[in-house]
PDB file of N, CA and C in Angstrom:
ATOM      1  N   UNK A   1      12.792   9.359  -4.015  1.00  0.00           N
ATOM      2  CA  UNK A   1      13.038   8.083  -3.384  1.00  0.00           C
ATOM      3  C   UNK A   1      11.767   7.232  -3.506  1.00  0.00           C
ATOM      4  N   UNK A   2      11.949   5.960  -3.752  1.00  0.00           N
ATOM      5  CA  UNK A   2      10.827   5.036  -3.846  1.00  0.00           C
ATOM      6  C   UNK A   2      10.763   4.181  -2.590  1.00  0.00           C
ATOM      7  N   UNK A   3       9.565   3.988  -2.080  1.00  0.00           N
ATOM      8  CA  UNK A   3       9.346   3.161  -0.903  1.00  0.00           C
ATOM      9  C   UNK A   3       8.328   2.095  -1.276  1.00  0.00           C
ATOM     10  N   UNK A   4       8.610   0.858  -0.900  1.00  0.00           N
ATOM     11  CA  UNK A   4       7.781  -0.274  -1.300  1.00  0.00           C
ATOM     12  C   UNK A   4       7.209  -0.954  -0.063  1.00  0.00           C
ATOM     13  N   UNK A   5       5.893  -1.174  -0.055  1.00  0.00           N
ATOM     14  CA  UNK A   5       5.207  -1.830   1.059  1.00  0.00           C
ATOM     15  C   UNK A   5       4.444  -3.044   0.550  1.00  0.00           C
ATOM     16  N   UNK A   6       4.355  -4.069   1.367  1.00  0.00           N
ATOM     17  CA  UNK A   6       3.452  -5.196   1.118  1.00  0.00           C
ATOM     18  C   UNK A   6       2.506  -5.244   2.316  1.00  0.00           C
ATOM     19  N   UNK A   7       1.241  -4.958   2.048  1.00  0.00           N
ATOM     20  CA  UNK A   7       0.222  -4.946   3.080  1.00  0.00           C
ATOM     21  C   UNK A   7      -0.550  -6.256   2.994  1.00  0.00           C
ATOM     22  N   UNK A   8      -0.480  -7.097   4.004  1.00  0.00           N
ATOM     23  CA  UNK A   8      -1.183  -8.385   3.972  1.00  0.00           C
ATOM     24  C   UNK A   8      -2.688  -8.174   4.136  1.00  0.00           C
ATOM     25  N   UNK A   9      -3.400  -8.164   3.038  1.00  0.00           N
ATOM     26  CA  UNK A   9      -4.822  -7.828   3.062  1.00  0.00           C
ATOM     27  C   UNK A   9      -5.627  -8.789   3.928  1.00  0.00           C
ATOM     28  N   UNK A  10      -5.223 -10.035   4.029  1.00  0.00           N
ATOM     29  CA  UNK A  10      -5.957 -10.993   4.856  1.00  0.00           C
ATOM     30  C   UNK A  10      -5.885 -10.604   6.328  1.00  0.00           C
ATOM     31  N   UNK A  11      -4.787  -9.970   6.742  1.00  0.00           N
ATOM     32  CA  UNK A  11      -4.681  -9.489   8.125  1.00  0.00           C
ATOM     33  C   UNK A  11      -5.653  -8.339   8.384  1.00  0.00           C
ATOM     34  N   UNK A  12      -5.906  -7.536   7.367  1.00  0.00           N
ATOM     35  CA  UNK A  12      -6.812  -6.403   7.487  1.00  0.00           C
ATOM     36  C   UNK A  12      -8.261  -6.865   7.372  1.00  0.00           C
ATOM     37  N   UNK A  13      -8.519  -7.720   6.390  1.00  0.00           N
ATOM     38  CA  UNK A  13      -9.877  -8.178   6.095  1.00  0.00           C
ATOM     39  C   UNK A  13      -9.867  -9.694   5.921  1.00  0.00           C
ATOM     40  N   UNK A  14     -10.096 -10.463   6.991  1.00  0.00           N
ATOM     41  CA  UNK A  14     -10.000 -11.923   6.917  1.00  0.00           C
ATOM     42  C   UNK A  14     -11.025 -12.570   5.984  1.00  0.00           C
ATOM     43  N   UNK A  15     -12.064 -11.859   5.633  1.00  0.00           N
ATOM     44  CA  UNK A  15     -13.078 -12.397   4.723  1.00  0.00           C
ATOM     45  C   UNK A  15     -12.773 -12.124   3.253  1.00  0.00           C
ATOM     46  N   UNK A  16     -11.700 -11.395   2.998  1.00  0.00           N
ATOM     47  CA  UNK A  16     -11.359 -11.018   1.638  1.00  0.00           C
ATOM     48  C   UNK A  16     -10.934 -12.242   0.830  1.00  0.00           C
ATOM     49  N   UNK A  17     -11.360 -12.279  -0.414  1.00  0.00           N
ATOM     50  CA  UNK A  17     -10.926 -13.326  -1.341  1.00  0.00           C
ATOM     51  C   UNK A  17     -10.519 -12.648  -2.639  1.00  0.00           C
ATOM     52  N   UNK A  18      -9.466 -13.131  -3.261  1.00  0.00           N
ATOM     53  CA  UNK A  18      -8.934 -12.510  -4.465  1.00  0.00           C
ATOM     54  C   UNK A  18      -9.850 -12.704  -5.670  1.00  0.00           C
ATOM     55  N   UNK A  19     -10.653 -13.724  -5.671  1.00  0.00           N
ATOM     56  CA  UNK A  19     -11.515 -14.000  -6.819  1.00  0.00           C
ATOM     57  C   UNK A  19     -12.509 -12.876  -7.060  1.00  0.00           C
ATOM     58  N   UNK A  20     -12.707 -12.565  -8.331  1.00  0.00           N
ATOM     59  CA  UNK A  20     -13.719 -11.596  -8.693  1.00  0.00           C
ATOM     60  C   UNK A  20     -13.264 -10.152  -8.724  1.00  0.00           C
ATOM     61  N   UNK A  21     -12.030  -9.875  -8.373  1.00  0.00           N
ATOM     62  CA  UNK A  21     -11.539  -8.503  -8.394  1.00  0.00           C
ATOM     63  C   UNK A  21     -10.483  -8.354  -9.480  1.00  0.00           C
ATOM     64  N   UNK A  22     -10.557  -7.269 -10.195  1.00  0.00           N
ATOM     65  CA  UNK A  22      -9.508  -6.936 -11.147  1.00  0.00           C
ATOM     66  C   UNK A  22      -8.381  -6.348 -10.316  1.00  0.00           C
ATOM     67  N   UNK A  23      -7.275  -7.048 -10.263  1.00  0.00           N
ATOM     68  CA  UNK A  23      -6.252  -6.787  -9.249  1.00  0.00           C
ATOM     69  C   UNK A  23      -5.667  -5.384  -9.244  1.00  0.00           C
ATOM     70  N   UNK A  24      -5.323  -4.815 -10.382  1.00  0.00           N
ATOM     71  CA  UNK A  24      -4.662  -3.513 -10.349  1.00  0.00           C
ATOM     72  C   UNK A  24      -5.623  -2.413  -9.910  1.00  0.00           C
ATOM     73  N   UNK A  25      -6.855  -2.460 -10.369  1.00  0.00           N
ATOM     74  CA  UNK A  25      -7.833  -1.451  -9.962  1.00  0.00           C
ATOM     75  C   UNK A  25      -8.182  -1.601  -8.489  1.00  0.00           C
ATOM     76  N   UNK A  26      -8.378  -2.812  -8.020  1.00  0.00           N
ATOM     77  CA  UNK A  26      -8.723  -3.054  -6.625  1.00  0.00           C
ATOM     78  C   UNK A  26      -7.596  -2.571  -5.710  1.00  0.00           C
ATOM     79  N   UNK A  27      -6.365  -2.863  -6.054  1.00  0.00           N
ATOM     80  CA  UNK A  27      -5.227  -2.460  -5.224  1.00  0.00           C
ATOM     81  C   UNK A  27      -5.126  -0.944  -5.138  1.00  0.00           C
ATOM     82  N   UNK A  28      -5.331  -0.271  -6.243  1.00  0.00           N
ATOM     83  CA  UNK A  28      -5.263   1.193  -6.248  1.00  0.00           C
ATOM     84  C   UNK A  28      -6.397   1.781  -5.414  1.00  0.00           C
ATOM     85  N   UNK A  29      -7.621   1.301  -5.613  1.00  0.00           N
ATOM     86  CA  UNK A  29      -8.759   1.816  -4.850  1.00  0.00           C
ATOM     87  C   UNK A  29      -8.616   1.533  -3.357  1.00  0.00           C
ATOM     88  N   UNK A  30      -8.148   0.352  -3.010  1.00  0.00           N
ATOM     89  CA  UNK A  30      -7.947   0.010  -1.601  1.00  0.00           C
ATOM     90  C   UNK A  30      -6.896   0.929  -0.978  1.00  0.00           C
ATOM     91  N   UNK A  31      -5.824   1.175  -1.723  1.00  0.00           N
ATOM     92  CA  UNK A  31      -4.759   2.047  -1.225  1.00  0.00           C
ATOM     93  C   UNK A  31      -5.268   3.455  -0.960  1.00  0.00           C
ATOM     94  N   UNK A  32      -6.059   3.975  -1.895  1.00  0.00           N
ATOM     95  CA  UNK A  32      -6.552   5.339  -1.767  1.00  0.00           C
ATOM     96  C   UNK A  32      -7.681   5.470  -0.749  1.00  0.00           C
ATOM     97  N   UNK A  33      -8.686   4.595  -0.834  1.00  0.00           N
ATOM     98  CA  UNK A  33      -9.909   4.803  -0.072  1.00  0.00           C
ATOM     99  C   UNK A  33      -9.943   4.107   1.291  1.00  0.00           C
ATOM    100  N   UNK A  34      -9.204   3.046   1.467  1.00  0.00           N
ATOM    101  CA  UNK A  34      -9.189   2.353   2.752  1.00  0.00           C
ATOM    102  C   UNK A  34      -7.933   2.727   3.551  1.00  0.00           C
ATOM    103  N   UNK A  35      -6.788   2.714   2.880  1.00  0.00           N
ATOM    104  CA  UNK A  35      -5.534   3.041   3.565  1.00  0.00           C
ATOM    105  C   UNK A  35      -5.235   4.539   3.549  1.00  0.00           C
ATOM    106  N   UNK A  36      -6.001   5.314   2.774  1.00  0.00           N
ATOM    107  CA  UNK A  36      -5.918   6.771   2.704  1.00  0.00           C
ATOM    108  C   UNK A  36      -4.568   7.295   2.218  1.00  0.00           C
ATOM    109  N   UNK A  37      -3.952   6.560   1.304  1.00  0.00           N
ATOM    110  CA  UNK A  37      -2.700   7.024   0.702  1.00  0.00           C
ATOM    111  C   UNK A  37      -3.059   8.064  -0.361  1.00  0.00           C
ATOM    112  N   UNK A  38      -2.529   9.269  -0.270  1.00  0.00           N
ATOM    113  CA  UNK A  38      -2.818  10.281  -1.282  1.00  0.00           C
ATOM    114  C   UNK A  38      -2.331   9.816  -2.662  1.00  0.00           C
ATOM    115  N   UNK A  39      -3.176   9.949  -3.681  1.00  0.00           N
ATOM    116  CA  UNK A  39      -2.813   9.436  -5.006  1.00  0.00           C
ATOM    117  C   UNK A  39      -1.536  10.033  -5.591  1.00  0.00           C
ATOM    118  N   UNK A  40      -1.200  11.247  -5.191  1.00  0.00           N
ATOM    119  CA  UNK A  40       0.012  11.867  -5.735  1.00  0.00           C
ATOM    120  C   UNK A  40       1.296  11.169  -5.268  1.00  0.00           C
ATOM    121  N   UNK A  41       1.217  10.352  -4.222  1.00  0.00           N
ATOM    122  CA  UNK A  41       2.380   9.622  -3.729  1.00  0.00           C
ATOM    123  C   UNK A  41       2.452   8.190  -4.246  1.00  0.00           C
ATOM    124  N   UNK A  42       1.418   7.722  -4.912  1.00  0.00           N
ATOM    125  CA  UNK A  42       1.388   6.345  -5.392  1.00  0.00           C
ATOM    126  C   UNK A  42       2.050   6.251  -6.760  1.00  0.00           C
ATOM    127  N   UNK A  43       3.107   5.453  -6.811  1.00  0.00           N
ATOM    128  CA  UNK A  43       3.764   5.189  -8.085  1.00  0.00           C
ATOM    129  C   UNK A  43       3.107   3.998  -8.767  1.00  0.00           C
ATOM    130  N   UNK A  44       2.840   2.933  -7.982  1.00  0.00           N
ATOM    131  CA  UNK A  44       2.270   1.718  -8.546  1.00  0.00           C
ATOM    132  C   UNK A  44       1.637   0.900  -7.432  1.00  0.00           C
ATOM    133  N   UNK A  45       0.596   0.141  -7.786  1.00  0.00           N
ATOM    134  CA  UNK A  45      -0.014  -0.804  -6.852  1.00  0.00           C
ATOM    135  C   UNK A  45      -0.301  -2.095  -7.599  1.00  0.00           C
ATOM    136  N   UNK A  46      -0.286  -3.183  -6.874  1.00  0.00           N
ATOM    137  CA  UNK A  46      -0.669  -4.465  -7.465  1.00  0.00           C
ATOM    138  C   UNK A  46      -1.182  -5.366  -6.351  1.00  0.00           C
ATOM    139  N   UNK A  47      -1.808  -6.441  -6.759  1.00  0.00           N
ATOM    140  CA  UNK A  47      -2.385  -7.384  -5.811  1.00  0.00           C
ATOM    141  C   UNK A  47      -1.778  -8.740  -6.079  1.00  0.00           C
ATOM    142  N   UNK A  48      -1.321  -9.397  -5.024  1.00  0.00           N
ATOM    143  CA  UNK A  48      -0.733 -10.723  -5.155  1.00  0.00           C
ATOM    144  C   UNK A  48      -1.207 -11.573  -3.992  1.00  0.00           C
ATOM    145  N   UNK A  49      -0.764 -12.802  -3.946  1.00  0.00           N
ATOM    146  CA  UNK A  49      -1.113 -13.670  -2.820  1.00  0.00           C
ATOM    147  C   UNK A  49      -0.534 -13.153  -1.508  1.00  0.00           C
ATOM    148  N   UNK A  50       0.541 -12.374  -1.584  1.00  0.00           N
ATOM    149  CA  UNK A  50       1.161 -11.794  -0.392  1.00  0.00           C
ATOM    150  C   UNK A  50       0.355 -10.638   0.165  1.00  0.00           C
ATOM    151  N   UNK A  51      -0.401  -9.973  -0.686  1.00  0.00           N
ATOM    152  CA  UNK A  51      -1.198  -8.829  -0.259  1.00  0.00           C
ATOM    153  C   UNK A  51      -1.157  -7.724  -1.286  1.00  0.00           C
ATOM    154  N   UNK A  52      -1.446  -6.532  -0.847  1.00  0.00           N
ATOM    155  CA  UNK A  52      -1.386  -5.368  -1.717  1.00  0.00           C
ATOM    156  C   UNK A  52       0.029  -4.829  -1.684  1.00  0.00           C
ATOM    157  N   UNK A  53       0.603  -4.671  -2.854  1.00  0.00           N
ATOM    158  CA  UNK A  53       1.948  -4.120  -2.983  1.00  0.00           C
ATOM    159  C   UNK A  53       1.811  -2.669  -3.422  1.00  0.00           C
ATOM    160  N   UNK A  54       2.419  -1.788  -2.669  1.00  0.00           N
ATOM    161  CA  UNK A  54       2.307  -0.358  -2.934  1.00  0.00           C
ATOM    162  C   UNK A  54       3.706   0.231  -3.058  1.00  0.00           C
ATOM    163  N   UNK A  55       3.955   0.896  -4.179  1.00  0.00           N
ATOM    164  CA  UNK A  55       5.201   1.640  -4.364  1.00  0.00           C
ATOM    165  C   UNK A  55       4.870   3.122  -4.279  1.00  0.00           C
ATOM    166  N   UNK A  56       5.578   3.819  -3.423  1.00  0.00           N
ATOM    167  CA  UNK A  56       5.385   5.255  -3.261  1.00  0.00           C
ATOM    168  C   UNK A  56       6.593   5.993  -3.791  1.00  0.00           C
ATOM    169  N   UNK A  57       6.341   7.196  -4.266  1.00  0.00           N
ATOM    170  CA  UNK A  57       7.433   8.078  -4.641  1.00  0.00           C
ATOM    171  C   UNK A  57       7.260   9.340  -3.817  1.00  0.00           C
ATOM    172  N   UNK A  58       8.190   9.568  -2.919  1.00  0.00           N
ATOM    173  CA  UNK A  58       8.097  10.733  -2.047  1.00  0.00           C
ATOM    174  C   UNK A  58       9.402  10.918  -1.302  1.00  0.00           C
ATOM    175  N   UNK A  59       9.616  12.106  -0.836  1.00  0.00           N
ATOM    176  CA  UNK A  59      10.714  12.365   0.080  1.00  0.00           C
ATOM    177  C   UNK A  59      10.212  11.931   1.458  1.00  0.00           C
ATOM    178  N   UNK A  60      10.784  10.884   1.981  1.00  0.00           N
ATOM    179  CA  UNK A  60      10.313  10.290   3.228  1.00  0.00           C
ATOM    180  C   UNK A  60      10.266  11.323   4.359  1.00  0.00           C
ATOM    181  N   UNK A  61      11.194  12.227   4.383  1.00  0.00           N
ATOM    182  CA  UNK A  61      11.208  13.242   5.439  1.00  0.00           C
ATOM    183  C   UNK A  61       9.932  14.078   5.422  1.00  0.00           C
ATOM    184  N   UNK A  62       9.328  14.233   4.248  1.00  0.00           N
ATOM    185  CA  UNK A  62       8.116  15.034   4.128  1.00  0.00           C
ATOM    186  C   UNK A  62       6.866  14.296   4.595  1.00  0.00           C
ATOM    187  N   UNK A  63       6.879  12.964   4.587  1.00  0.00           N
ATOM    188  CA  UNK A  63       5.655  12.214   4.878  1.00  0.00           C
ATOM    189  C   UNK A  63       5.749  11.312   6.111  1.00  0.00           C
ATOM    190  N   UNK A  64       6.893  11.204   6.719  1.00  0.00           N
ATOM    191  CA  UNK A  64       7.110  10.241   7.800  1.00  0.00           C
ATOM    192  C   UNK A  64       6.151  10.441   8.979  1.00  0.00           C
ATOM    193  N   UNK A  65       5.657  11.631   9.188  1.00  0.00           N
ATOM    194  CA  UNK A  65       4.747  11.888  10.299  1.00  0.00           C
ATOM    195  C   UNK A  65       3.275  11.871   9.896  1.00  0.00           C
ATOM    196  N   UNK A  66       2.997  11.635   8.621  1.00  0.00           N
ATOM    197  CA  UNK A  66       1.609  11.578   8.151  1.00  0.00           C
ATOM    198  C   UNK A  66       0.936  10.322   8.698  1.00  0.00           C
ATOM    199  N   UNK A  67      -0.313  10.446   9.118  1.00  0.00           N
ATOM    200  CA  UNK A  67      -1.040   9.313   9.698  1.00  0.00           C
ATOM    201  C   UNK A  67      -1.106   8.118   8.748  1.00  0.00           C
ATOM    202  N   UNK A  68      -1.370   8.373   7.465  1.00  0.00           N
ATOM    203  CA  UNK A  68      -1.492   7.272   6.512  1.00  0.00           C
ATOM    204  C   UNK A  68      -0.161   6.542   6.332  1.00  0.00           C
ATOM    205  N   UNK A  69       0.963   7.270   6.391  1.00  0.00           N
ATOM    206  CA  UNK A  69       2.279   6.646   6.243  1.00  0.00           C
ATOM    207  C   UNK A  69       2.601   5.787   7.475  1.00  0.00           C
ATOM    208  N   UNK A  70       2.310   6.306   8.644  1.00  0.00           N
ATOM    209  CA  UNK A  70       2.533   5.550   9.881  1.00  0.00           C
ATOM    210  C   UNK A  70       1.712   4.265   9.857  1.00  0.00           C
ATOM    211  N   UNK A  71       0.472   4.357   9.356  1.00  0.00           N
ATOM    212  CA  UNK A  71      -0.378   3.168   9.254  1.00  0.00           C
ATOM    213  C   UNK A  71       0.219   2.151   8.284  1.00  0.00           C
ATOM    214  N   UNK A  72       0.728   2.609   7.136  1.00  0.00           N
ATOM    215  CA  UNK A  72       1.366   1.691   6.182  1.00  0.00           C
ATOM    216  C   UNK A  72       2.542   0.965   6.820  1.00  0.00           C
ATOM    217  N   UNK A  73       3.370   1.693   7.525  1.00  0.00           N
ATOM    218  CA  UNK A  73       4.537   1.087   8.171  1.00  0.00           C
ATOM    219  C   UNK A  73       4.095   0.044   9.188  1.00  0.00           C
ATOM    220  N   UNK A  74       3.058   0.345   9.958  1.00  0.00           N
ATOM    221  CA  UNK A  74       2.619  -0.606  10.984  1.00  0.00           C
ATOM    222  C   UNK A  74       1.943  -1.839  10.393  1.00  0.00           C
ATOM    223  N   UNK A  75       1.284  -1.699   9.255  1.00  0.00           N
ATOM    224  CA  UNK A  75       0.592  -2.823   8.618  1.00  0.00           C
ATOM    225  C   UNK A  75       1.499  -3.666   7.729  1.00  0.00           C
ATOM    226  N   UNK A  76       2.558  -3.070   7.258  1.00  0.00           N
ATOM    227  CA  UNK A  76       3.389  -3.700   6.240  1.00  0.00           C
ATOM    228  C   UNK A  76       4.283  -4.802   6.797  1.00  0.00           C
ATOM    229  N   UNK A  77       4.409  -5.855   5.987  1.00  0.00           N
ATOM    230  CA  UNK A  77       5.367  -6.916   6.304  1.00  0.00           C
ATOM    231  C   UNK A  77       6.740  -6.605   5.740  1.00  0.00           C
ATOM    232  N   UNK A  78       6.807  -5.692   4.804  1.00  0.00           N
ATOM    233  CA  UNK A  78       8.073  -5.426   4.129  1.00  0.00           C
ATOM    234  C   UNK A  78       8.115  -3.968   3.705  1.00  0.00           C
ATOM    235  N   UNK A  79       9.189  -3.294   4.016  1.00  0.00           N
ATOM    236  CA  UNK A  79       9.391  -1.940   3.557  1.00  0.00           C
ATOM    237  C   UNK A  79      10.782  -1.886   2.948  1.00  0.00           C
ATOM    238  N   UNK A  80      10.855  -1.392   1.734  1.00  0.00           N
ATOM    239  CA  UNK A  80      12.147  -1.281   1.052  1.00  0.00           C
ATOM    240  C   UNK A  80      12.291   0.131   0.542  1.00  0.00           C
ATOM    241  N   UNK A  81      13.389   0.745   0.850  1.00  0.00           N
ATOM    242  CA  UNK A  81      13.664   2.089   0.369  1.00  0.00           C
ATOM    243  C   UNK A  81      14.787   2.019  -0.645  1.00  0.00           C
ATOM    244  N   UNK A  82      14.583   2.690  -1.741  1.00  0.00           N
ATOM    245  CA  UNK A  82      15.642   2.774  -2.742  1.00  0.00           C
ATOM    246  C   UNK A  82      15.656   4.174  -3.297  1.00  0.00           C
ATOM    247  N   UNK A  83      16.800   4.572  -3.811  1.00  0.00           N
ATOM    248  CA  UNK A  83      16.883   5.919  -4.368  1.00  0.00           C
ATOM    249  C   UNK A  83      16.940   5.873  -5.870  1.00  0.00           C
TER     250      UNK A  83
END
């Protein structure tokens, strides 16, 4: 199952500016090192004006109680589940 999150980076870091960052690398590093998403669950990340977009591939039942997943849900403006 794929789960999609949009994390509004400005809400997390109001001083953040998109200029000067290579978007795909920055989004992946932010997801792993700041949001603590295990890399084995990351399908794709990208950076847009909306924030960091993170696609996960995981069985939700296996990760729903993980601290990093709970944090993603609380920070996210959008969560979409598809099979």
